[in-house]
N, C-alpha and C. Protein backbone atom coordinates (compact mmCIF):
# COMPACT_ATOMS: atom_id res chain seq x y z
N MET A 1 154.80 87.93 46.24
CA MET A 1 153.86 88.96 47.30
C MET A 1 152.74 88.81 47.05
N ASN A 2 151.80 88.94 47.42
CA ASN A 2 150.56 88.88 47.30
C ASN A 2 149.79 90.43 46.31
N GLN A 3 149.07 90.01 45.25
CA GLN A 3 148.36 91.09 45.19
C GLN A 3 147.18 91.90 45.76
N HIS A 4 147.36 92.90 45.81
CA HIS A 4 146.49 93.97 46.63
C HIS A 4 144.98 94.46 45.80
N LEU A 5 143.92 93.83 46.31
CA LEU A 5 142.78 94.64 45.96
C LEU A 5 141.93 95.36 47.08
N LEU A 6 141.08 96.50 46.35
CA LEU A 6 140.46 97.64 47.42
C LEU A 6 139.16 97.40 46.94
N MET A 7 138.00 96.94 48.03
CA MET A 7 136.92 96.95 47.27
C MET A 7 135.94 98.10 47.70
N ILE A 8 135.54 98.74 47.20
CA ILE A 8 135.01 100.27 47.67
C ILE A 8 133.22 99.74 47.52
N GLU A 9 132.71 98.99 48.71
CA GLU A 9 131.14 98.37 48.93
C GLU A 9 130.42 98.81 49.76
N ASP A 10 129.46 99.22 49.71
CA ASP A 10 128.98 99.82 51.29
C ASP A 10 127.89 98.45 51.87
N ASP A 11 127.92 96.96 50.96
CA ASP A 11 127.17 95.96 51.56
C ASP A 11 128.70 95.08 52.30
N SER A 12 128.31 95.18 53.72
CA SER A 12 129.40 94.60 54.32
C SER A 12 129.64 93.59 54.19
N ARG A 13 128.14 92.27 54.08
CA ARG A 13 128.13 90.77 53.72
C ARG A 13 128.85 90.82 52.45
N LEU A 14 128.33 91.38 51.74
CA LEU A 14 128.89 90.76 50.06
C LEU A 14 130.52 91.02 50.35
N SER A 15 130.77 92.22 50.76
CA SER A 15 132.36 92.62 51.02
C SER A 15 133.29 91.72 51.70
N ALA A 16 132.79 90.79 52.71
CA ALA A 16 132.97 89.78 53.38
C ALA A 16 133.45 88.68 52.68
N MET A 17 132.21 88.25 52.11
CA MET A 17 131.82 87.35 51.01
C MET A 17 133.09 87.33 50.08
N VAL A 18 133.30 88.40 49.24
CA VAL A 18 134.36 88.22 48.19
C VAL A 18 135.68 88.26 48.74
N ALA A 19 135.73 89.22 49.96
CA ALA A 19 137.28 89.30 50.64
C ALA A 19 137.55 87.85 50.73
N GLN A 20 136.57 87.11 51.24
CA GLN A 20 137.14 85.61 51.69
C GLN A 20 137.23 84.68 50.60
N TYR A 21 136.39 85.02 49.57
CA TYR A 21 136.71 84.34 48.58
C TYR A 21 138.15 84.39 47.30
N LEU A 22 138.71 85.84 47.59
CA LEU A 22 139.38 86.18 46.72
C LEU A 22 140.86 86.20 47.69
N GLY A 23 140.55 85.89 48.70
CA GLY A 23 141.80 85.69 50.13
C GLY A 23 142.37 83.96 49.49
N GLN A 24 141.18 83.47 49.45
CA GLN A 24 141.40 82.12 49.33
C GLN A 24 142.27 81.54 48.01
N SER A 25 142.01 82.74 46.74
CA SER A 25 142.97 82.89 45.57
C SER A 25 143.88 83.30 45.66
N GLY A 26 144.11 83.95 46.98
CA GLY A 26 145.78 84.41 46.81
C GLY A 26 145.73 85.90 46.97
N TYR A 27 144.64 86.49 46.98
CA TYR A 27 144.74 87.83 46.93
C TYR A 27 144.26 88.77 48.29
N THR A 28 145.54 89.84 49.06
CA THR A 28 144.93 90.40 49.91
C THR A 28 143.63 91.25 49.30
N VAL A 29 142.45 91.39 50.43
CA VAL A 29 141.48 92.38 49.71
C VAL A 29 141.54 93.29 51.31
N SER A 30 141.48 94.46 51.07
CA SER A 30 141.02 95.58 51.99
C SER A 30 139.49 96.10 51.36
N CYS A 31 138.94 96.64 52.08
CA CYS A 31 137.38 97.11 52.07
C CYS A 31 137.27 98.22 52.92
N ALA A 32 136.30 99.09 51.92
CA ALA A 32 135.90 100.43 52.58
C ALA A 32 134.56 100.65 52.07
N GLY A 33 133.63 101.20 53.01
CA GLY A 33 132.29 101.02 53.16
C GLY A 33 131.52 102.49 52.11
N ASP A 34 132.48 103.02 51.88
CA ASP A 34 131.89 104.18 51.19
C ASP A 34 133.08 104.98 50.52
N GLY A 35 132.77 105.99 49.41
CA GLY A 35 133.53 106.51 48.56
C GLY A 35 135.22 107.17 49.12
N GLN A 36 134.62 107.92 50.20
CA GLN A 36 135.70 109.13 50.71
C GLN A 36 136.43 107.92 51.37
N SER A 37 136.18 106.71 51.93
CA SER A 37 137.09 106.14 52.72
C SER A 37 138.07 105.16 51.78
N GLY A 38 137.59 105.11 50.49
CA GLY A 38 137.94 104.30 49.47
C GLY A 38 138.94 104.93 48.83
N LEU A 39 138.80 106.43 48.68
CA LEU A 39 139.84 106.89 47.90
C LEU A 39 140.94 107.37 48.81
N HIS A 40 140.41 107.26 50.16
CA HIS A 40 141.69 107.77 51.61
C HIS A 40 142.34 106.46 51.45
N GLN A 41 141.95 105.45 51.27
CA GLN A 41 142.79 104.18 51.39
C GLN A 41 143.56 104.18 50.28
N LEU A 42 143.19 104.42 48.91
CA LEU A 42 143.61 104.29 47.96
C LEU A 42 145.08 105.42 47.73
N SER A 43 144.81 106.33 48.26
CA SER A 43 145.73 107.65 48.00
C SER A 43 146.52 107.91 48.78
N ASN A 44 146.84 106.71 49.83
CA ASN A 44 147.41 106.87 50.94
C ASN A 44 148.28 105.35 51.62
N PRO A 45 148.67 105.10 50.39
CA PRO A 45 149.61 103.67 50.38
C PRO A 45 150.60 103.69 51.40
N SER A 46 151.23 104.77 52.09
CA SER A 46 151.88 104.89 53.26
C SER A 46 151.41 104.10 54.52
N ARG A 47 150.19 104.42 54.47
CA ARG A 47 149.74 103.83 55.62
C ARG A 47 148.86 102.63 55.31
N ASP A 48 148.42 102.44 53.81
CA ASP A 48 147.60 101.06 53.30
C ASP A 48 148.29 100.52 52.56
N ALA A 49 148.16 99.20 52.22
CA ALA A 49 148.92 99.09 51.01
C ALA A 49 148.51 99.18 49.82
N ALA A 50 149.64 99.62 49.04
CA ALA A 50 149.37 100.07 47.81
C ALA A 50 148.18 99.40 47.00
N ALA A 51 146.95 99.59 46.32
CA ALA A 51 146.18 98.82 45.96
C ALA A 51 146.71 98.71 44.42
N ASP A 52 146.41 96.80 43.77
CA ASP A 52 146.96 96.74 42.29
C ASP A 52 145.69 96.93 41.43
N LEU A 53 144.27 96.68 42.23
CA LEU A 53 143.06 96.93 41.29
C LEU A 53 141.97 97.37 42.54
N VAL A 54 141.11 98.01 42.24
CA VAL A 54 139.82 98.45 42.81
C VAL A 54 138.76 98.07 42.06
N ILE A 55 137.68 97.61 43.01
CA ILE A 55 136.46 97.08 42.61
C ILE A 55 135.76 98.03 43.43
N LEU A 56 134.73 98.44 42.37
CA LEU A 56 133.86 99.95 42.82
C LEU A 56 132.49 99.48 42.19
N ASP A 57 131.81 99.84 43.55
CA ASP A 57 130.14 99.80 43.42
C ASP A 57 129.81 100.85 42.86
N LEU A 58 128.83 100.76 41.80
CA LEU A 58 128.04 102.22 41.47
C LEU A 58 127.52 102.89 42.67
N MET A 59 126.61 102.40 43.44
CA MET A 59 125.92 103.04 44.45
C MET A 59 126.88 102.86 45.57
N LEU A 60 126.86 104.25 46.29
CA LEU A 60 127.49 103.55 47.75
C LEU A 60 126.98 105.05 48.14
N PRO A 61 126.73 105.01 49.75
CA PRO A 61 125.89 106.26 50.69
C PRO A 61 126.65 107.54 50.32
N ASP A 62 127.78 107.89 49.90
CA ASP A 62 128.11 109.29 50.34
C ASP A 62 128.34 109.90 48.82
N MET A 63 128.95 109.34 48.20
CA MET A 63 129.28 109.60 46.32
C MET A 63 128.75 108.77 45.76
N ASP A 64 128.37 108.47 44.20
CA ASP A 64 127.96 107.29 43.67
C ASP A 64 129.69 106.92 43.31
N GLY A 65 129.75 105.69 42.50
CA GLY A 65 130.81 105.12 41.89
C GLY A 65 131.59 106.04 40.68
N LEU A 66 130.65 106.28 40.14
CA LEU A 66 131.21 107.35 38.66
C LEU A 66 131.63 108.55 39.24
N GLU A 67 131.36 109.08 40.38
CA GLU A 67 132.60 109.92 41.22
C GLU A 67 133.79 110.09 41.66
N VAL A 68 133.71 108.39 42.31
CA VAL A 68 134.85 107.91 42.67
C VAL A 68 135.91 107.52 41.63
N CYS A 69 135.25 107.00 40.64
CA CYS A 69 135.90 106.84 39.61
C CYS A 69 136.47 108.08 38.65
N ARG A 70 135.82 109.22 38.97
CA ARG A 70 136.42 110.28 38.06
C ARG A 70 137.50 110.68 38.93
N ARG A 71 137.27 110.63 40.70
CA ARG A 71 138.38 111.34 41.62
C ARG A 71 139.94 110.51 41.19
N ILE A 72 139.57 108.82 41.22
CA ILE A 72 140.94 108.38 40.73
C ILE A 72 141.06 108.60 40.04
N ARG A 73 140.88 108.69 38.72
CA ARG A 73 141.52 109.47 37.13
C ARG A 73 142.04 110.70 37.51
N ALA A 74 141.92 111.31 38.30
CA ALA A 74 142.35 113.01 38.80
C ALA A 74 143.35 113.12 39.50
N LEU A 75 143.43 111.78 39.93
CA LEU A 75 145.06 111.66 41.33
C LEU A 75 146.36 111.67 40.53
N PRO A 76 147.36 111.67 41.18
CA PRO A 76 148.46 111.90 41.02
C PRO A 76 148.89 110.97 39.83
N THR A 77 150.01 110.61 38.49
CA THR A 77 150.34 109.55 38.15
C THR A 77 150.66 108.53 39.08
N GLY A 78 149.99 107.30 38.46
CA GLY A 78 150.75 105.91 39.13
C GLY A 78 149.30 105.60 39.85
N LEU A 79 148.98 106.32 40.81
CA LEU A 79 147.65 106.12 41.20
C LEU A 79 146.06 106.38 40.92
N SER A 80 146.34 107.33 39.75
CA SER A 80 145.36 107.56 38.56
C SER A 80 144.63 106.44 37.90
N GLN A 81 146.33 105.30 37.34
CA GLN A 81 146.12 104.12 36.45
C GLN A 81 145.72 103.19 37.31
N THR A 82 145.57 103.47 38.33
CA THR A 82 144.97 101.99 38.82
C THR A 82 143.75 101.42 38.48
N PRO A 83 143.65 100.11 38.03
CA PRO A 83 142.71 99.67 37.13
C PRO A 83 141.56 99.22 38.22
N ILE A 84 140.60 99.77 37.22
CA ILE A 84 138.97 99.73 38.13
C ILE A 84 138.17 98.69 37.70
N LEU A 85 137.42 97.80 38.51
CA LEU A 85 136.46 97.13 37.87
C LEU A 85 135.30 97.60 38.34
N MET A 86 134.15 97.75 37.87
CA MET A 86 132.90 98.43 38.20
C MET A 86 131.92 97.54 38.29
N LEU A 87 131.15 97.34 39.48
CA LEU A 87 130.39 96.57 39.97
C LEU A 87 128.74 97.47 39.34
N THR A 88 127.71 97.07 38.53
CA THR A 88 126.42 98.10 38.23
C THR A 88 125.62 96.44 38.19
N ALA A 89 124.33 97.73 38.43
CA ALA A 89 123.32 97.36 38.14
C ALA A 89 123.22 96.33 37.20
N LYS A 90 122.58 95.24 37.17
CA LYS A 90 122.10 94.33 36.25
C LYS A 90 121.61 94.75 35.07
N GLY A 91 121.89 94.51 33.73
CA GLY A 91 121.12 95.20 32.77
C GLY A 91 121.19 96.65 32.48
N ASP A 92 121.91 97.33 32.99
CA ASP A 92 121.96 98.92 33.68
C ASP A 92 123.14 99.12 31.94
N ALA A 93 122.59 99.11 31.13
CA ALA A 93 124.11 99.41 29.84
C ALA A 93 123.92 101.02 29.91
N MET A 94 123.22 102.01 30.33
CA MET A 94 124.14 103.12 30.45
C MET A 94 125.02 103.22 31.65
N ASP A 95 124.64 102.78 32.53
CA ASP A 95 125.48 102.74 33.95
C ASP A 95 127.11 102.03 33.13
N ARG A 96 127.10 101.27 32.59
CA ARG A 96 128.46 100.81 32.12
C ARG A 96 129.11 101.58 31.13
N ILE A 97 128.27 101.98 30.35
CA ILE A 97 128.47 103.04 29.24
C ILE A 97 129.60 104.29 30.19
N VAL A 98 128.82 104.68 30.86
CA VAL A 98 129.11 106.23 31.52
C VAL A 98 130.36 105.46 31.95
N GLY A 99 130.75 104.50 32.89
CA GLY A 99 131.64 103.94 33.58
C GLY A 99 132.93 103.82 32.91
N LEU A 100 132.29 102.96 31.73
CA LEU A 100 133.68 103.12 31.04
C LEU A 100 134.29 104.62 30.13
N GLU A 101 133.42 105.60 29.97
CA GLU A 101 133.45 106.70 30.02
C GLU A 101 134.48 107.59 30.71
N MET A 102 134.06 107.18 32.36
CA MET A 102 134.87 107.98 33.30
C MET A 102 135.97 107.21 33.49
N GLY A 103 136.70 106.16 32.79
CA GLY A 103 137.84 105.31 33.09
C GLY A 103 137.98 103.92 33.44
N ALA A 104 136.73 103.56 34.17
CA ALA A 104 136.74 102.27 34.35
C ALA A 104 136.97 101.21 33.22
N ASP A 105 137.91 100.00 33.86
CA ASP A 105 138.63 99.49 32.93
C ASP A 105 137.43 98.28 32.40
N ASP A 106 136.63 97.79 33.36
CA ASP A 106 135.98 96.47 33.30
C ASP A 106 134.55 96.86 33.81
N TYR A 107 133.79 96.04 33.71
CA TYR A 107 132.45 96.09 34.72
C TYR A 107 131.76 94.43 35.06
N LEU A 108 131.08 94.65 35.69
CA LEU A 108 130.46 93.57 36.12
C LEU A 108 129.07 93.89 36.73
N PRO A 109 128.10 93.15 36.25
CA PRO A 109 126.64 93.32 36.60
C PRO A 109 126.30 92.75 37.75
N LYS A 110 125.71 93.09 38.88
CA LYS A 110 125.52 92.49 39.61
C LYS A 110 123.74 91.85 39.62
N PRO A 111 123.89 90.53 39.96
CA PRO A 111 124.39 89.63 41.02
C PRO A 111 125.49 88.81 40.17
N PHE A 112 126.56 88.54 40.46
CA PHE A 112 127.49 88.12 39.91
C PHE A 112 128.07 86.64 40.63
N GLU A 113 128.95 86.24 39.66
CA GLU A 113 128.97 84.71 39.99
C GLU A 113 130.76 85.05 40.57
N PRO A 114 131.17 84.91 41.96
CA PRO A 114 132.49 85.14 42.29
C PRO A 114 133.38 84.55 41.28
N ARG A 115 133.09 83.42 40.82
CA ARG A 115 134.24 82.66 39.63
C ARG A 115 134.67 84.13 38.40
N GLU A 116 133.44 83.88 38.26
CA GLU A 116 133.55 85.57 36.88
C GLU A 116 134.03 86.78 37.56
N LEU A 117 134.08 87.16 38.78
CA LEU A 117 134.38 88.14 39.31
C LEU A 117 136.03 87.97 39.55
N LEU A 118 136.35 86.82 39.76
CA LEU A 118 137.91 86.15 40.04
C LEU A 118 138.61 86.25 38.71
N ALA A 119 137.72 85.91 37.46
CA ALA A 119 138.34 85.84 36.25
C ALA A 119 138.62 87.14 35.40
N ARG A 120 137.70 88.40 35.97
CA ARG A 120 137.88 89.23 35.36
C ARG A 120 139.06 90.38 36.27
N ILE A 121 139.06 89.82 37.10
CA ILE A 121 140.61 90.31 38.13
C ILE A 121 141.97 89.99 37.50
N ARG A 122 141.68 88.82 37.21
CA ARG A 122 143.10 88.24 36.90
C ARG A 122 143.25 88.97 35.30
N ALA A 123 142.04 88.92 34.72
CA ALA A 123 142.54 89.30 33.11
C ALA A 123 142.54 90.64 33.12
N VAL A 124 142.19 91.72 34.05
CA VAL A 124 142.73 93.32 34.23
C VAL A 124 144.13 92.92 34.72
N LEU A 125 144.46 92.45 35.62
CA LEU A 125 145.62 92.62 36.38
C LEU A 125 146.77 91.94 35.32
N ARG A 126 146.45 90.76 34.49
CA ARG A 126 147.39 90.69 33.52
C ARG A 126 147.85 91.60 32.65
N ARG A 127 146.81 92.16 32.30
CA ARG A 127 146.88 93.12 31.35
C ARG A 127 148.12 93.95 31.36
N ARG A 128 147.77 94.66 33.03
CA ARG A 128 148.47 95.56 33.47
C ARG A 128 150.03 95.17 33.85
N LEU A 129 149.96 94.07 34.09
CA LEU A 129 151.49 93.54 34.59
C LEU A 129 152.43 92.81 33.60
N GLU A 130 151.56 92.61 32.49
CA GLU A 130 152.53 92.37 31.56
C GLU A 130 153.23 93.50 30.87
N ARG A 131 154.84 93.03 30.79
CA ARG A 131 155.61 94.12 30.10
C ARG A 131 156.06 93.70 29.16
N PRO A 132 156.34 94.29 27.73
CA PRO A 132 157.17 93.81 26.74
C PRO A 132 158.78 93.62 26.76
N THR A 133 159.64 93.10 26.56
CA THR A 133 160.99 92.94 27.00
C THR A 133 161.59 94.61 26.37
N THR A 134 162.56 95.12 27.41
CA THR A 134 163.11 96.51 27.14
C THR A 134 163.90 96.47 25.88
N GLU A 135 163.89 95.59 24.75
CA GLU A 135 164.76 95.75 23.60
C GLU A 135 163.58 96.60 22.61
N ASN A 136 162.36 96.69 23.04
CA ASN A 136 160.92 96.91 22.14
C ASN A 136 161.15 98.67 22.36
N ALA A 137 161.78 99.19 21.18
CA ALA A 137 161.34 100.57 21.38
C ALA A 137 160.69 101.37 21.05
N PRO A 138 160.04 102.52 21.66
CA PRO A 138 158.58 103.01 21.26
C PRO A 138 158.83 103.56 20.18
N LEU A 139 157.09 103.28 19.86
CA LEU A 139 156.77 103.42 18.60
C LEU A 139 156.25 104.93 18.67
N GLN A 140 156.91 105.44 17.19
CA GLN A 140 156.83 106.97 16.59
C GLN A 140 155.93 106.77 15.58
N PHE A 141 154.84 107.66 15.57
CA PHE A 141 153.98 108.37 14.58
C PHE A 141 153.52 109.74 14.43
N GLY A 142 154.64 110.25 13.74
CA GLY A 142 154.51 112.02 14.13
C GLY A 142 154.84 112.27 15.36
N THR A 143 153.93 112.95 15.57
CA THR A 143 154.02 113.77 17.13
C THR A 143 153.76 112.59 18.24
N LEU A 144 152.88 111.81 17.81
CA LEU A 144 152.57 110.23 18.75
C LEU A 144 153.55 109.65 19.20
N GLU A 145 153.72 109.36 20.54
CA GLU A 145 154.91 108.32 20.80
C GLU A 145 154.32 107.24 21.84
N ILE A 146 154.33 105.99 21.45
CA ILE A 146 153.76 105.00 22.53
C ILE A 146 155.33 104.22 23.04
N ASP A 147 155.52 104.31 24.12
CA ASP A 147 156.57 103.79 24.99
C ASP A 147 155.98 102.25 25.66
N ARG A 148 156.37 101.31 24.83
CA ARG A 148 155.52 100.28 25.47
C ARG A 148 156.53 99.53 26.52
N ASP A 149 157.63 100.10 27.10
CA ASP A 149 158.52 99.48 28.11
C ASP A 149 157.49 100.30 29.43
N ALA A 150 157.62 101.50 28.97
CA ALA A 150 157.03 102.51 30.21
C ALA A 150 155.64 102.66 30.22
N ARG A 151 154.93 102.18 28.99
CA ARG A 151 153.24 101.65 29.11
C ARG A 151 153.48 103.73 29.49
N ARG A 152 153.63 104.17 28.35
CA ARG A 152 153.47 105.63 28.33
C ARG A 152 153.35 106.11 26.87
N VAL A 153 151.61 106.90 26.49
CA VAL A 153 151.65 107.68 25.53
C VAL A 153 151.89 109.01 25.42
N SER A 154 152.15 109.45 24.69
CA SER A 154 152.67 111.35 24.37
C SER A 154 152.35 111.69 23.28
N VAL A 155 152.05 113.07 22.92
CA VAL A 155 151.82 113.93 21.99
C VAL A 155 152.38 115.07 22.30
N HIS A 156 153.36 115.35 21.40
CA HIS A 156 153.97 116.61 21.69
C HIS A 156 154.80 116.59 22.67
N GLY A 157 155.46 115.64 23.26
CA GLY A 157 156.00 115.32 24.28
C GLY A 157 154.97 115.80 25.88
N GLU A 158 154.13 115.69 25.29
CA GLU A 158 152.88 116.15 26.72
C GLU A 158 152.10 114.73 26.83
N PRO A 159 152.59 113.87 27.96
CA PRO A 159 151.49 112.70 28.53
C PRO A 159 149.98 112.69 28.16
N CYS A 160 149.76 111.44 27.77
CA CYS A 160 148.07 111.39 27.51
C CYS A 160 147.21 110.64 28.35
N ASP A 161 146.12 110.65 28.99
CA ASP A 161 145.67 109.90 30.21
C ASP A 161 144.56 109.02 29.85
N LEU A 162 145.65 107.78 29.67
CA LEU A 162 144.87 106.67 29.55
C LEU A 162 144.78 105.69 30.63
N THR A 163 143.82 104.85 30.63
CA THR A 163 143.87 104.01 31.76
C THR A 163 144.67 102.51 30.72
N SER A 164 144.94 101.50 31.86
CA SER A 164 145.70 100.60 31.39
C SER A 164 145.31 99.75 30.32
N TYR A 165 144.01 99.34 30.30
CA TYR A 165 142.99 98.92 29.37
C TYR A 165 143.27 99.73 27.86
N GLN A 166 142.99 101.02 28.04
CA GLN A 166 142.92 101.93 27.01
C GLN A 166 144.51 101.79 26.53
N PHE A 167 145.40 101.49 27.02
CA PHE A 167 146.75 101.85 26.46
C PHE A 167 147.04 100.35 25.89
N ASP A 168 146.42 99.22 26.18
CA ASP A 168 146.66 98.01 25.45
C ASP A 168 146.00 97.98 24.02
N LEU A 169 144.74 98.75 24.38
CA LEU A 169 143.85 98.65 23.12
C LEU A 169 144.35 99.07 21.99
N LEU A 170 145.11 100.59 22.28
CA LEU A 170 145.58 101.60 21.11
C LEU A 170 147.26 100.91 20.90
N LEU A 171 147.94 100.19 21.85
CA LEU A 171 148.94 99.19 21.47
C LEU A 171 148.97 98.19 19.95
N ALA A 172 147.75 97.54 20.46
CA ALA A 172 147.01 96.58 19.91
C ALA A 172 146.94 96.82 18.16
N LEU A 173 146.64 98.21 18.05
CA LEU A 173 146.55 98.84 16.92
C LEU A 173 147.32 99.44 16.21
N ALA A 174 148.20 100.25 16.95
CA ALA A 174 149.37 100.69 16.88
C ALA A 174 150.41 99.55 15.47
N GLU A 175 150.86 98.51 16.68
CA GLU A 175 151.67 97.69 16.20
C GLU A 175 151.32 96.98 15.17
N ARG A 176 149.97 96.96 14.74
CA ARG A 176 149.14 96.39 13.50
C ARG A 176 148.76 97.56 12.03
N ALA A 177 149.57 98.81 12.47
CA ALA A 177 149.06 99.84 11.76
C ALA A 177 149.15 99.85 10.35
N GLY A 178 147.71 99.92 9.91
CA GLY A 178 147.63 99.99 8.51
C GLY A 178 146.35 98.28 8.06
N ARG A 179 146.51 97.90 9.26
CA ARG A 179 145.75 96.68 9.31
C ARG A 179 144.37 96.74 9.43
N VAL A 180 143.51 96.75 9.18
CA VAL A 180 142.01 96.79 9.39
C VAL A 180 141.70 95.58 10.30
N LEU A 181 141.49 95.93 11.62
CA LEU A 181 141.06 94.75 12.96
C LEU A 181 139.38 95.11 12.93
N THR A 182 139.03 93.79 13.11
CA THR A 182 137.62 93.50 13.87
C THR A 182 137.46 93.53 15.04
N ARG A 183 136.47 94.09 15.91
CA ARG A 183 136.44 94.40 17.53
C ARG A 183 136.44 93.10 17.81
N ASP A 184 136.61 92.02 17.52
CA ASP A 184 136.73 90.47 18.32
C ASP A 184 138.31 90.67 17.72
N GLN A 185 138.92 90.74 16.69
CA GLN A 185 140.26 90.50 16.48
C GLN A 185 141.10 91.68 17.65
N ILE A 186 140.70 92.72 18.04
CA ILE A 186 141.09 93.53 18.49
C ILE A 186 141.05 93.24 20.49
N MET A 187 139.75 92.36 20.32
CA MET A 187 139.87 92.26 22.03
C MET A 187 140.65 90.51 22.34
N GLU A 188 140.93 90.38 21.38
CA GLU A 188 141.57 89.12 21.53
C GLU A 188 142.99 89.48 21.19
N ALA A 189 143.59 90.29 20.65
CA ALA A 189 145.05 90.51 20.81
C ALA A 189 145.43 91.32 22.28
N VAL A 190 144.53 91.81 22.91
CA VAL A 190 144.48 92.29 24.19
C VAL A 190 144.33 91.06 25.33
N ARG A 191 143.95 89.97 24.82
CA ARG A 191 143.58 89.00 25.88
C ARG A 191 142.98 89.03 27.00
N GLY A 192 141.80 89.99 26.39
CA GLY A 192 140.74 90.11 27.64
C GLY A 192 139.46 89.63 27.51
N ARG A 193 138.70 89.59 27.95
CA ARG A 193 137.03 89.10 28.32
C ARG A 193 136.76 88.92 26.76
N GLU A 194 136.10 87.83 26.67
CA GLU A 194 135.29 87.54 25.35
C GLU A 194 134.16 88.73 24.85
N LEU A 195 134.27 89.64 23.78
CA LEU A 195 133.22 90.59 23.23
C LEU A 195 131.76 89.82 22.75
N ASP A 196 130.86 90.36 23.71
CA ASP A 196 129.68 90.21 23.19
C ASP A 196 129.31 90.97 22.11
N ALA A 197 128.64 90.16 21.20
CA ALA A 197 127.98 90.69 19.89
C ALA A 197 127.39 92.26 19.94
N PHE A 198 127.00 92.41 21.06
CA PHE A 198 125.73 93.57 21.54
C PHE A 198 126.43 94.42 22.50
N ASP A 199 127.71 94.30 22.82
CA ASP A 199 128.33 94.93 23.73
C ASP A 199 129.41 96.17 23.06
N ARG A 200 129.10 97.58 22.86
CA ARG A 200 129.84 98.24 22.29
C ARG A 200 130.49 99.09 23.15
N SER A 201 131.21 98.43 24.24
CA SER A 201 132.22 98.81 25.43
C SER A 201 133.59 99.30 24.37
N ILE A 202 133.70 98.50 23.48
CA ILE A 202 134.86 98.75 22.97
C ILE A 202 135.15 100.21 21.87
N ASP A 203 133.58 100.45 21.88
CA ASP A 203 133.87 101.83 21.02
C ASP A 203 133.53 102.87 22.02
N VAL A 204 133.43 102.61 22.83
CA VAL A 204 133.65 103.74 24.21
C VAL A 204 135.07 104.12 24.85
N HIS A 205 135.72 102.86 24.70
CA HIS A 205 136.93 102.85 24.47
C HIS A 205 137.94 103.69 23.79
N MET A 206 137.20 103.24 22.65
CA MET A 206 138.04 104.08 21.25
C MET A 206 137.77 105.41 21.36
N GLY A 207 136.76 106.02 21.93
CA GLY A 207 136.59 107.18 22.14
C GLY A 207 137.50 108.03 23.04
N ARG A 208 137.38 107.33 24.03
CA ARG A 208 138.52 108.12 25.09
C ARG A 208 139.97 107.81 24.41
N ILE A 209 140.04 106.86 23.98
CA ILE A 209 141.93 107.29 23.22
C ILE A 209 141.84 108.14 22.37
N ARG A 210 140.72 108.31 21.49
CA ARG A 210 140.63 109.19 20.44
C ARG A 210 140.59 110.52 21.09
N ALA A 211 139.77 110.95 22.16
CA ALA A 211 140.02 112.26 23.04
C ALA A 211 141.47 112.75 23.31
N ALA A 212 141.99 111.38 23.59
CA ALA A 212 143.46 111.44 24.24
C ALA A 212 144.76 112.06 23.18
N ILE A 213 144.35 111.18 22.16
CA ILE A 213 145.38 111.34 21.36
C ILE A 213 145.47 112.10 19.74
N GLU A 214 143.95 112.35 19.54
CA GLU A 214 143.83 113.08 18.44
C GLU A 214 143.82 114.51 18.62
N ILE A 215 144.08 115.16 17.23
CA ILE A 215 143.61 117.13 17.87
C ILE A 215 142.36 117.26 17.49
N ASP A 216 141.57 116.43 16.63
CA ASP A 216 140.39 116.71 16.62
C ASP A 216 139.57 115.14 16.63
N PRO A 217 139.19 114.98 17.82
CA PRO A 217 138.33 113.70 18.14
C PRO A 217 137.33 113.66 17.15
N LYS A 218 136.38 114.58 16.81
CA LYS A 218 135.10 114.40 15.86
C LYS A 218 135.39 113.89 14.55
N ALA A 219 136.97 114.25 14.09
CA ALA A 219 137.70 114.25 12.94
C ALA A 219 138.92 113.39 13.13
N PRO A 220 138.91 112.38 13.45
CA PRO A 220 140.17 111.61 13.98
C PRO A 220 140.97 111.20 12.55
N LYS A 221 142.14 111.06 12.94
CA LYS A 221 143.13 111.02 11.60
C LYS A 221 144.03 109.72 11.95
N ARG A 222 144.11 109.33 13.42
CA ARG A 222 145.09 108.20 14.05
C ARG A 222 144.32 107.00 14.09
N ILE A 223 143.23 106.96 14.58
CA ILE A 223 142.28 105.64 14.55
C ILE A 223 140.89 106.01 13.64
N LEU A 224 141.28 105.27 12.62
CA LEU A 224 139.80 105.06 11.88
C LEU A 224 139.00 104.54 11.72
N THR A 225 137.60 104.33 12.09
CA THR A 225 136.56 103.42 11.85
C THR A 225 136.47 103.00 10.62
N VAL A 226 136.32 101.75 10.42
CA VAL A 226 135.81 101.12 8.88
C VAL A 226 134.51 100.58 9.50
N ARG A 227 133.70 101.24 8.80
CA ARG A 227 131.94 100.97 9.00
C ARG A 227 131.79 99.49 8.87
N GLY A 228 131.24 98.95 9.66
CA GLY A 228 130.83 97.68 9.44
C GLY A 228 131.85 96.38 9.59
N VAL A 229 133.01 96.72 9.95
CA VAL A 229 134.35 96.22 9.84
C VAL A 229 134.56 96.15 11.33
N GLY A 230 135.27 97.53 11.57
CA GLY A 230 136.22 98.00 12.78
C GLY A 230 137.02 99.07 12.82
N TYR A 231 138.12 98.82 13.26
CA TYR A 231 139.38 100.33 13.27
C TYR A 231 140.61 99.39 12.71
N VAL A 232 141.42 100.68 12.03
CA VAL A 232 142.32 100.63 11.79
C VAL A 232 142.94 101.67 12.00
N PHE A 233 144.31 101.58 12.46
CA PHE A 233 145.53 102.85 12.83
C PHE A 233 146.17 103.04 11.77
N ALA A 234 145.90 104.49 11.33
CA ALA A 234 146.57 105.11 10.29
C ALA A 234 147.90 104.88 10.15
N ARG A 235 149.05 104.60 9.21
CA ARG A 235 150.29 104.97 9.34
C ARG A 235 150.62 106.22 9.16
N GLN A 236 150.12 107.15 8.14
CA GLN A 236 150.46 108.78 8.09
C GLN A 236 149.71 109.02 9.03
N GLN A 237 150.51 110.19 9.72
CA GLN A 237 149.64 110.95 10.42
C GLN A 237 150.18 112.45 10.59
N ASP A 238 149.33 113.64 11.34
CA ASP A 238 150.07 114.56 11.31
C ASP A 238 150.26 115.27 9.83
């Protein structure tokens, strides 16, 4: 069964070009010209095919992409975790950072090469679709539980709101608890895109993870920063 992509983009010529290119690579692509239409398609899978990933432009006629991203992450469980690849203005670092803080899984500056878009889509979907074997028991660290099979994180039994990519980052650290990992090692562990030496997006994701799992994100006890090196997941918690 082909994977379904939803592209929310008001440039109809760009949408048609991307849909044709991705269609040749085996994907089914639906297009929406504004935020409301895109949200409607995503949240009504009975009428429209359920989206496996959303390609979301930052600039839309009715609302900006950041608001669309926020509304997607506020949808019911299942829909809210749909991976989002955000299209941003070239070189606008602040848009990328805010987009990641809102819950986007990746970003791509405009103008872009279709081949790079395809590669990023495949990387995001691979992270989402890969599942550990069912014999893997949930990881337990005090009140924090990471269920690898269900891809669910909870604290005191309450679910934590993490994107698919953020779950993979947390799992990569937790499976190596007590070991200091550089940003490059973390990115390699989740098999995502290579980390640009000047790209601090991983730090944004770590901030989001801390906000979800730490009692006090400003004084973290689970994910610790090792200055000048990277991060370590503490064995002793709570």
